[in-house]
Amino acid sequence: MTGQPVDGIENLAQPLVQQFLLYDALDEGPSLIFVADERMKYVAVNTTACRTLGYTRQELLALGVPDVAVAPEASEIYQDMLWARNGQRGVTPIRTKDGRVLSLAYNAGEVRVAGLPYWVSIGHVVDGSSS
């Protein structure tokens, strides 16, 4: 959303304005954001995640959680989150397109969109370690 600033609480509170503001803020914001489905496939990722991992959005959306979260227990943690329907916090290794391994501190949990469950993970790189 570019152009004129939105003034007034009445205008800011409009759902469409909020949608655009939140999208732009989260897409370009400081955190990596991943949304995955029950099959552990990414269905949405923000620009920051793409840039940090070195993928285009299309490339990253073709991957699944185990392709990026490379800890041996990553699939098990994800399955536990699916069954428990509760959030997870932690630090996990993630692999970039060029093979470097970074540490991602994350907070993940379930959200429902149009009645369907998705899992959102929001995090940040805590160091620049490499493989």
N, C-alpha and C. Protein backbone atom coordinates (compact mmCIF):
# COMPACT_ATOMS: atom_id res chain seq x y z
N MET A 1 0.86 -1.16 0.00
CA MET A 1 0.00 0.00 0.00
C MET A 1 0.90 1.22 0.00
N THR A 2 0.97 1.92 -1.10
CA THR A 2 1.81 3.10 -1.21
C THR A 2 0.95 4.31 -1.48
N GLY A 3 1.52 5.49 -1.26
CA GLY A 3 0.77 6.71 -1.56
C GLY A 3 0.52 7.51 -0.30
N GLN A 4 -0.69 8.03 -0.20
CA GLN A 4 -1.06 8.91 0.89
C GLN A 4 -1.16 8.15 2.21
N PRO A 5 -0.72 8.80 3.31
CA PRO A 5 -0.91 8.16 4.61
C PRO A 5 -2.39 8.10 4.96
N VAL A 6 -2.74 7.07 5.71
CA VAL A 6 -4.12 6.91 6.15
C VAL A 6 -4.25 7.63 7.47
N ASP A 7 -5.17 8.60 7.53
CA ASP A 7 -5.35 9.39 8.74
C ASP A 7 -6.67 9.04 9.40
N GLY A 8 -6.70 9.23 10.70
CA GLY A 8 -7.95 9.07 11.44
C GLY A 8 -8.16 7.63 11.89
N ILE A 9 -8.59 7.48 13.13
CA ILE A 9 -8.84 6.16 13.69
C ILE A 9 -9.93 5.44 12.90
N GLU A 10 -10.94 6.18 12.42
CA GLU A 10 -12.02 5.54 11.67
C GLU A 10 -11.48 4.88 10.41
N ASN A 11 -10.56 5.56 9.73
CA ASN A 11 -9.99 5.00 8.51
C ASN A 11 -9.03 3.86 8.82
N LEU A 12 -8.20 4.03 9.84
CA LEU A 12 -7.24 2.99 10.19
C LEU A 12 -7.93 1.70 10.63
N ALA A 13 -9.10 1.82 11.23
CA ALA A 13 -9.81 0.65 11.74
C ALA A 13 -10.52 -0.15 10.66
N GLN A 14 -10.56 0.35 9.44
CA GLN A 14 -11.23 -0.36 8.36
C GLN A 14 -10.50 -1.68 8.09
N PRO A 15 -11.23 -2.79 7.97
CA PRO A 15 -10.58 -4.09 7.78
C PRO A 15 -9.62 -4.14 6.59
N LEU A 16 -9.99 -3.53 5.47
CA LEU A 16 -9.10 -3.57 4.31
C LEU A 16 -7.82 -2.79 4.56
N VAL A 17 -7.90 -1.66 5.23
CA VAL A 17 -6.71 -0.88 5.57
C VAL A 17 -5.82 -1.70 6.50
N GLN A 18 -6.43 -2.32 7.51
CA GLN A 18 -5.66 -3.16 8.43
C GLN A 18 -4.98 -4.32 7.70
N GLN A 19 -5.69 -4.92 6.76
CA GLN A 19 -5.13 -6.03 6.00
C GLN A 19 -3.88 -5.59 5.24
N PHE A 20 -3.95 -4.48 4.55
CA PHE A 20 -2.80 -3.99 3.80
C PHE A 20 -1.65 -3.59 4.71
N LEU A 21 -1.96 -2.88 5.80
CA LEU A 21 -0.91 -2.45 6.72
C LEU A 21 -0.20 -3.64 7.35
N LEU A 22 -0.98 -4.61 7.81
CA LEU A 22 -0.37 -5.79 8.42
C LEU A 22 0.44 -6.59 7.41
N TYR A 23 -0.09 -6.77 6.21
CA TYR A 23 0.64 -7.52 5.19
C TYR A 23 1.99 -6.87 4.91
N ASP A 24 1.98 -5.57 4.63
CA ASP A 24 3.23 -4.88 4.31
C ASP A 24 4.20 -4.91 5.49
N ALA A 25 3.70 -4.69 6.69
CA ALA A 25 4.56 -4.68 7.87
C ALA A 25 5.18 -6.05 8.12
N LEU A 26 4.40 -7.10 7.98
CA LEU A 26 4.90 -8.44 8.25
C LEU A 26 5.74 -8.99 7.11
N ASP A 27 5.40 -8.64 5.88
CA ASP A 27 6.15 -9.17 4.75
C ASP A 27 7.57 -8.64 4.72
N GLU A 28 7.74 -7.38 5.02
CA GLU A 28 9.06 -6.75 4.98
C GLU A 28 9.66 -6.56 6.38
N GLY A 29 8.98 -7.03 7.40
CA GLY A 29 9.42 -6.81 8.77
C GLY A 29 10.68 -7.58 9.13
N PRO A 30 11.13 -7.44 10.36
CA PRO A 30 12.40 -8.03 10.78
C PRO A 30 12.35 -9.54 11.04
N SER A 31 11.18 -10.12 11.13
CA SER A 31 11.05 -11.54 11.46
C SER A 31 10.83 -12.40 10.22
N LEU A 32 11.32 -13.64 10.30
CA LEU A 32 11.04 -14.63 9.27
C LEU A 32 9.68 -15.24 9.60
N ILE A 33 8.79 -15.33 8.62
CA ILE A 33 7.46 -15.88 8.86
C ILE A 33 7.19 -16.99 7.85
N PHE A 34 6.81 -18.15 8.40
CA PHE A 34 6.49 -19.32 7.59
C PHE A 34 5.10 -19.80 7.98
N VAL A 35 4.27 -20.14 6.99
CA VAL A 35 2.95 -20.73 7.24
C VAL A 35 2.95 -22.08 6.52
N ALA A 36 2.63 -23.13 7.27
CA ALA A 36 2.64 -24.49 6.70
C ALA A 36 1.31 -25.18 6.98
N ASP A 37 1.03 -26.19 6.17
CA ASP A 37 -0.21 -26.95 6.34
C ASP A 37 0.07 -28.25 7.10
N GLU A 38 -0.94 -29.09 7.20
CA GLU A 38 -0.81 -30.35 7.94
C GLU A 38 0.19 -31.32 7.30
N ARG A 39 0.46 -31.14 6.02
CA ARG A 39 1.41 -32.01 5.32
C ARG A 39 2.84 -31.49 5.44
N MET A 40 3.02 -30.44 6.23
CA MET A 40 4.33 -29.81 6.45
C MET A 40 4.84 -29.11 5.19
N LYS A 41 3.93 -28.68 4.32
CA LYS A 41 4.29 -27.93 3.12
C LYS A 41 4.06 -26.45 3.39
N TYR A 42 4.99 -25.62 2.94
CA TYR A 42 4.82 -24.19 3.11
C TYR A 42 3.74 -23.70 2.16
N VAL A 43 2.83 -22.89 2.69
CA VAL A 43 1.77 -22.31 1.87
C VAL A 43 1.91 -20.79 1.79
N ALA A 44 2.71 -20.21 2.67
CA ALA A 44 2.99 -18.77 2.64
C ALA A 44 4.30 -18.53 3.38
N VAL A 45 5.08 -17.60 2.87
CA VAL A 45 6.34 -17.18 3.50
C VAL A 45 6.50 -15.69 3.25
N ASN A 46 7.17 -15.00 4.15
CA ASN A 46 7.36 -13.57 3.91
C ASN A 46 8.68 -13.31 3.18
N THR A 47 8.80 -12.09 2.69
CA THR A 47 9.99 -11.69 1.93
C THR A 47 11.25 -11.83 2.77
N THR A 48 11.16 -11.54 4.05
CA THR A 48 12.32 -11.64 4.94
C THR A 48 12.82 -13.08 5.01
N ALA A 49 11.92 -14.05 5.11
CA ALA A 49 12.33 -15.45 5.12
C ALA A 49 13.01 -15.82 3.81
N CYS A 50 12.44 -15.39 2.70
CA CYS A 50 13.03 -15.69 1.39
C CYS A 50 14.43 -15.09 1.28
N ARG A 51 14.55 -13.83 1.62
CA ARG A 51 15.83 -13.14 1.51
C ARG A 51 16.88 -13.78 2.43
N THR A 52 16.50 -14.09 3.66
CA THR A 52 17.44 -14.66 4.63
C THR A 52 17.93 -16.04 4.19
N LEU A 53 17.03 -16.84 3.63
CA LEU A 53 17.39 -18.19 3.21
C LEU A 53 17.94 -18.25 1.79
N GLY A 54 17.81 -17.16 1.03
CA GLY A 54 18.36 -17.11 -0.31
C GLY A 54 17.49 -17.72 -1.39
N TYR A 55 16.22 -17.92 -1.10
CA TYR A 55 15.28 -18.48 -2.07
C TYR A 55 14.36 -17.40 -2.62
N THR A 56 13.82 -17.65 -3.81
CA THR A 56 12.68 -16.85 -4.26
C THR A 56 11.47 -17.38 -3.51
N ARG A 57 10.40 -16.62 -3.50
CA ARG A 57 9.17 -17.09 -2.84
C ARG A 57 8.68 -18.39 -3.48
N GLN A 58 8.73 -18.45 -4.80
CA GLN A 58 8.27 -19.65 -5.50
C GLN A 58 9.10 -20.87 -5.10
N GLU A 59 10.41 -20.70 -4.99
CA GLU A 59 11.27 -21.82 -4.59
C GLU A 59 10.96 -22.28 -3.17
N LEU A 60 10.81 -21.33 -2.26
CA LEU A 60 10.55 -21.70 -0.87
C LEU A 60 9.19 -22.36 -0.71
N LEU A 61 8.20 -21.90 -1.47
CA LEU A 61 6.87 -22.51 -1.39
C LEU A 61 6.84 -23.93 -1.96
N ALA A 62 7.84 -24.30 -2.72
CA ALA A 62 7.92 -25.66 -3.25
C ALA A 62 8.53 -26.62 -2.22
N LEU A 63 9.04 -26.09 -1.11
CA LEU A 63 9.69 -26.90 -0.09
C LEU A 63 8.75 -27.20 1.06
N GLY A 64 9.17 -28.12 1.89
CA GLY A 64 8.44 -28.43 3.11
C GLY A 64 9.28 -28.11 4.32
N VAL A 65 8.66 -28.19 5.48
CA VAL A 65 9.35 -27.88 6.73
C VAL A 65 10.65 -28.67 6.87
N PRO A 66 10.68 -29.98 6.60
CA PRO A 66 11.93 -30.73 6.78
C PRO A 66 13.05 -30.33 5.81
N ASP A 67 12.70 -29.64 4.72
CA ASP A 67 13.72 -29.17 3.78
C ASP A 67 14.48 -27.97 4.35
N VAL A 68 13.86 -27.25 5.25
CA VAL A 68 14.46 -26.03 5.81
C VAL A 68 14.87 -26.25 7.26
N ALA A 69 13.96 -26.77 8.08
CA ALA A 69 14.27 -27.05 9.48
C ALA A 69 14.97 -28.40 9.52
N VAL A 70 16.28 -28.37 9.65
CA VAL A 70 17.07 -29.58 9.43
C VAL A 70 17.44 -30.36 10.68
N ALA A 71 16.91 -29.96 11.83
CA ALA A 71 17.17 -30.74 13.05
C ALA A 71 16.56 -32.13 12.87
N PRO A 72 17.23 -33.17 13.35
CA PRO A 72 16.68 -34.52 13.21
C PRO A 72 15.28 -34.67 13.81
N GLU A 73 14.99 -33.90 14.85
CA GLU A 73 13.69 -34.01 15.52
C GLU A 73 12.65 -33.03 14.98
N ALA A 74 12.94 -32.31 13.90
CA ALA A 74 12.02 -31.29 13.38
C ALA A 74 10.66 -31.87 13.01
N SER A 75 10.64 -32.99 12.32
CA SER A 75 9.36 -33.60 11.93
C SER A 75 8.57 -34.03 13.15
N GLU A 76 9.26 -34.59 14.14
CA GLU A 76 8.59 -35.03 15.37
C GLU A 76 8.00 -33.85 16.13
N ILE A 77 8.73 -32.75 16.23
CA ILE A 77 8.24 -31.55 16.90
C ILE A 77 7.00 -31.03 16.18
N TYR A 78 7.05 -31.03 14.85
CA TYR A 78 5.90 -30.55 14.06
C TYR A 78 4.68 -31.44 14.29
N GLN A 79 4.89 -32.76 14.28
CA GLN A 79 3.78 -33.69 14.50
C GLN A 79 3.19 -33.51 15.90
N ASP A 80 4.06 -33.30 16.90
CA ASP A 80 3.56 -33.05 18.25
C ASP A 80 2.69 -31.79 18.28
N MET A 81 3.12 -30.78 17.55
CA MET A 81 2.36 -29.53 17.50
C MET A 81 1.01 -29.76 16.82
N LEU A 82 0.99 -30.59 15.78
CA LEU A 82 -0.28 -30.90 15.10
C LEU A 82 -1.25 -31.59 16.04
N TRP A 83 -0.76 -32.58 16.76
CA TRP A 83 -1.64 -33.34 17.65
C TRP A 83 -2.08 -32.54 18.85
N ALA A 84 -1.18 -31.80 19.43
CA ALA A 84 -1.49 -31.06 20.65
C ALA A 84 -2.27 -29.79 20.36
N ARG A 85 -2.15 -29.29 19.14
CA ARG A 85 -2.83 -28.04 18.75
C ARG A 85 -2.41 -26.87 19.65
N ASN A 86 -1.16 -26.95 20.12
CA ASN A 86 -0.68 -25.83 20.92
C ASN A 86 0.65 -25.34 20.35
N GLY A 87 1.11 -24.27 20.87
CA GLY A 87 2.30 -23.64 20.33
C GLY A 87 3.60 -24.29 20.77
N GLN A 88 4.63 -23.94 20.06
CA GLN A 88 5.98 -24.39 20.35
C GLN A 88 6.90 -23.18 20.32
N ARG A 89 7.90 -23.20 21.17
CA ARG A 89 8.96 -22.20 21.13
C ARG A 89 10.27 -22.95 21.17
N GLY A 90 11.26 -22.39 20.52
CA GLY A 90 12.55 -23.04 20.59
C GLY A 90 13.56 -22.40 19.66
N VAL A 91 14.65 -23.09 19.52
CA VAL A 91 15.70 -22.70 18.58
C VAL A 91 15.99 -23.94 17.75
N THR A 92 16.02 -23.77 16.44
CA THR A 92 16.26 -24.90 15.55
C THR A 92 17.20 -24.50 14.43
N PRO A 93 18.00 -25.44 13.94
CA PRO A 93 18.83 -25.13 12.78
C PRO A 93 17.99 -25.09 11.50
N ILE A 94 18.27 -24.11 10.65
CA ILE A 94 17.62 -24.03 9.35
C ILE A 94 18.70 -23.91 8.28
N ARG A 95 18.44 -24.52 7.13
CA ARG A 95 19.42 -24.53 6.06
C ARG A 95 19.03 -23.55 4.97
N THR A 96 20.02 -22.75 4.55
CA THR A 96 19.81 -21.80 3.47
C THR A 96 19.99 -22.51 2.13
N LYS A 97 19.64 -21.84 1.07
CA LYS A 97 19.76 -22.41 -0.27
C LYS A 97 21.21 -22.77 -0.59
N ASP A 98 22.16 -21.97 -0.09
CA ASP A 98 23.57 -22.25 -0.39
C ASP A 98 24.21 -23.23 0.60
N GLY A 99 23.40 -23.82 1.48
CA GLY A 99 23.90 -24.86 2.37
C GLY A 99 24.34 -24.41 3.75
N ARG A 100 24.38 -23.10 3.99
CA ARG A 100 24.73 -22.64 5.33
C ARG A 100 23.63 -23.04 6.31
N VAL A 101 24.02 -23.25 7.55
CA VAL A 101 23.05 -23.57 8.59
C VAL A 101 23.03 -22.42 9.59
N LEU A 102 21.83 -21.88 9.81
CA LEU A 102 21.63 -20.78 10.73
C LEU A 102 20.77 -21.26 11.90
N SER A 103 20.85 -20.59 13.02
CA SER A 103 20.00 -20.90 14.17
C SER A 103 18.81 -19.95 14.17
N LEU A 104 17.61 -20.52 14.18
CA LEU A 104 16.38 -19.75 14.17
C LEU A 104 15.68 -19.90 15.52
N ALA A 105 15.51 -18.79 16.23
CA ALA A 105 14.67 -18.78 17.42
C ALA A 105 13.25 -18.54 16.93
N TYR A 106 12.32 -19.41 17.30
CA TYR A 106 10.98 -19.33 16.74
C TYR A 106 9.90 -19.46 17.80
N ASN A 107 8.73 -18.99 17.44
CA ASN A 107 7.50 -19.17 18.19
C ASN A 107 6.48 -19.62 17.16
N ALA A 108 5.89 -20.79 17.36
CA ALA A 108 4.98 -21.35 16.35
C ALA A 108 3.67 -21.78 16.99
N GLY A 109 2.61 -21.72 16.22
CA GLY A 109 1.32 -22.15 16.72
C GLY A 109 0.30 -22.26 15.61
N GLU A 110 -0.85 -22.81 15.96
CA GLU A 110 -1.93 -23.03 15.00
C GLU A 110 -2.77 -21.78 14.83
N VAL A 111 -3.18 -21.55 13.59
CA VAL A 111 -4.19 -20.54 13.28
C VAL A 111 -5.21 -21.21 12.36
N ARG A 112 -6.40 -20.66 12.31
CA ARG A 112 -7.42 -21.19 11.39
C ARG A 112 -7.77 -20.11 10.39
N VAL A 113 -7.75 -20.51 9.13
CA VAL A 113 -8.10 -19.62 8.03
C VAL A 113 -9.20 -20.30 7.25
N ALA A 114 -10.35 -19.66 7.15
CA ALA A 114 -11.51 -20.24 6.48
C ALA A 114 -11.81 -21.63 7.03
N GLY A 115 -11.61 -21.81 8.33
CA GLY A 115 -11.91 -23.07 8.99
C GLY A 115 -10.83 -24.13 8.88
N LEU A 116 -9.78 -23.87 8.12
CA LEU A 116 -8.71 -24.85 7.94
C LEU A 116 -7.53 -24.52 8.83
N PRO A 117 -6.88 -25.57 9.38
CA PRO A 117 -5.74 -25.31 10.26
C PRO A 117 -4.45 -25.09 9.48
N TYR A 118 -3.70 -24.11 9.93
CA TYR A 118 -2.35 -23.85 9.42
C TYR A 118 -1.47 -23.57 10.62
N TRP A 119 -0.16 -23.71 10.43
CA TRP A 119 0.77 -23.47 11.52
C TRP A 119 1.72 -22.36 11.11
N VAL A 120 1.77 -21.35 11.94
CA VAL A 120 2.59 -20.18 11.67
C VAL A 120 3.81 -20.23 12.58
N SER A 121 4.95 -20.01 11.98
CA SER A 121 6.20 -19.92 12.72
C SER A 121 6.80 -18.56 12.45
N ILE A 122 7.08 -17.82 13.52
CA ILE A 122 7.69 -16.49 13.42
C ILE A 122 9.01 -16.55 14.18
N GLY A 123 10.07 -16.13 13.54
CA GLY A 123 11.35 -16.22 14.21
C GLY A 123 12.37 -15.26 13.70
N HIS A 124 13.54 -15.35 14.28
CA HIS A 124 14.67 -14.53 13.86
C HIS A 124 15.96 -15.34 14.01
N VAL A 125 16.91 -15.02 13.17
CA VAL A 125 18.21 -15.69 13.22
C VAL A 125 18.95 -15.19 14.44
N VAL A 126 19.45 -16.10 15.27
CA VAL A 126 20.12 -15.70 16.49
C VAL A 126 21.63 -15.67 16.36
N ASP A 127 22.13 -16.24 15.28
CA ASP A 127 23.56 -16.11 14.99
C ASP A 127 23.79 -16.40 13.52
N GLY A 128 24.99 -16.21 13.07
CA GLY A 128 25.31 -16.44 11.67
C GLY A 128 26.13 -17.69 11.47
N SER A 129 25.87 -18.73 12.26
CA SER A 129 26.65 -19.95 12.15
C SER A 129 26.46 -20.59 10.79
N SER A 130 27.45 -21.29 10.34
CA SER A 130 27.35 -21.97 9.05
C SER A 130 27.77 -23.41 9.20
N SER A 131 27.44 -24.21 8.20
CA SER A 131 27.70 -25.64 8.27
C SER A 131 29.12 -26.01 8.10
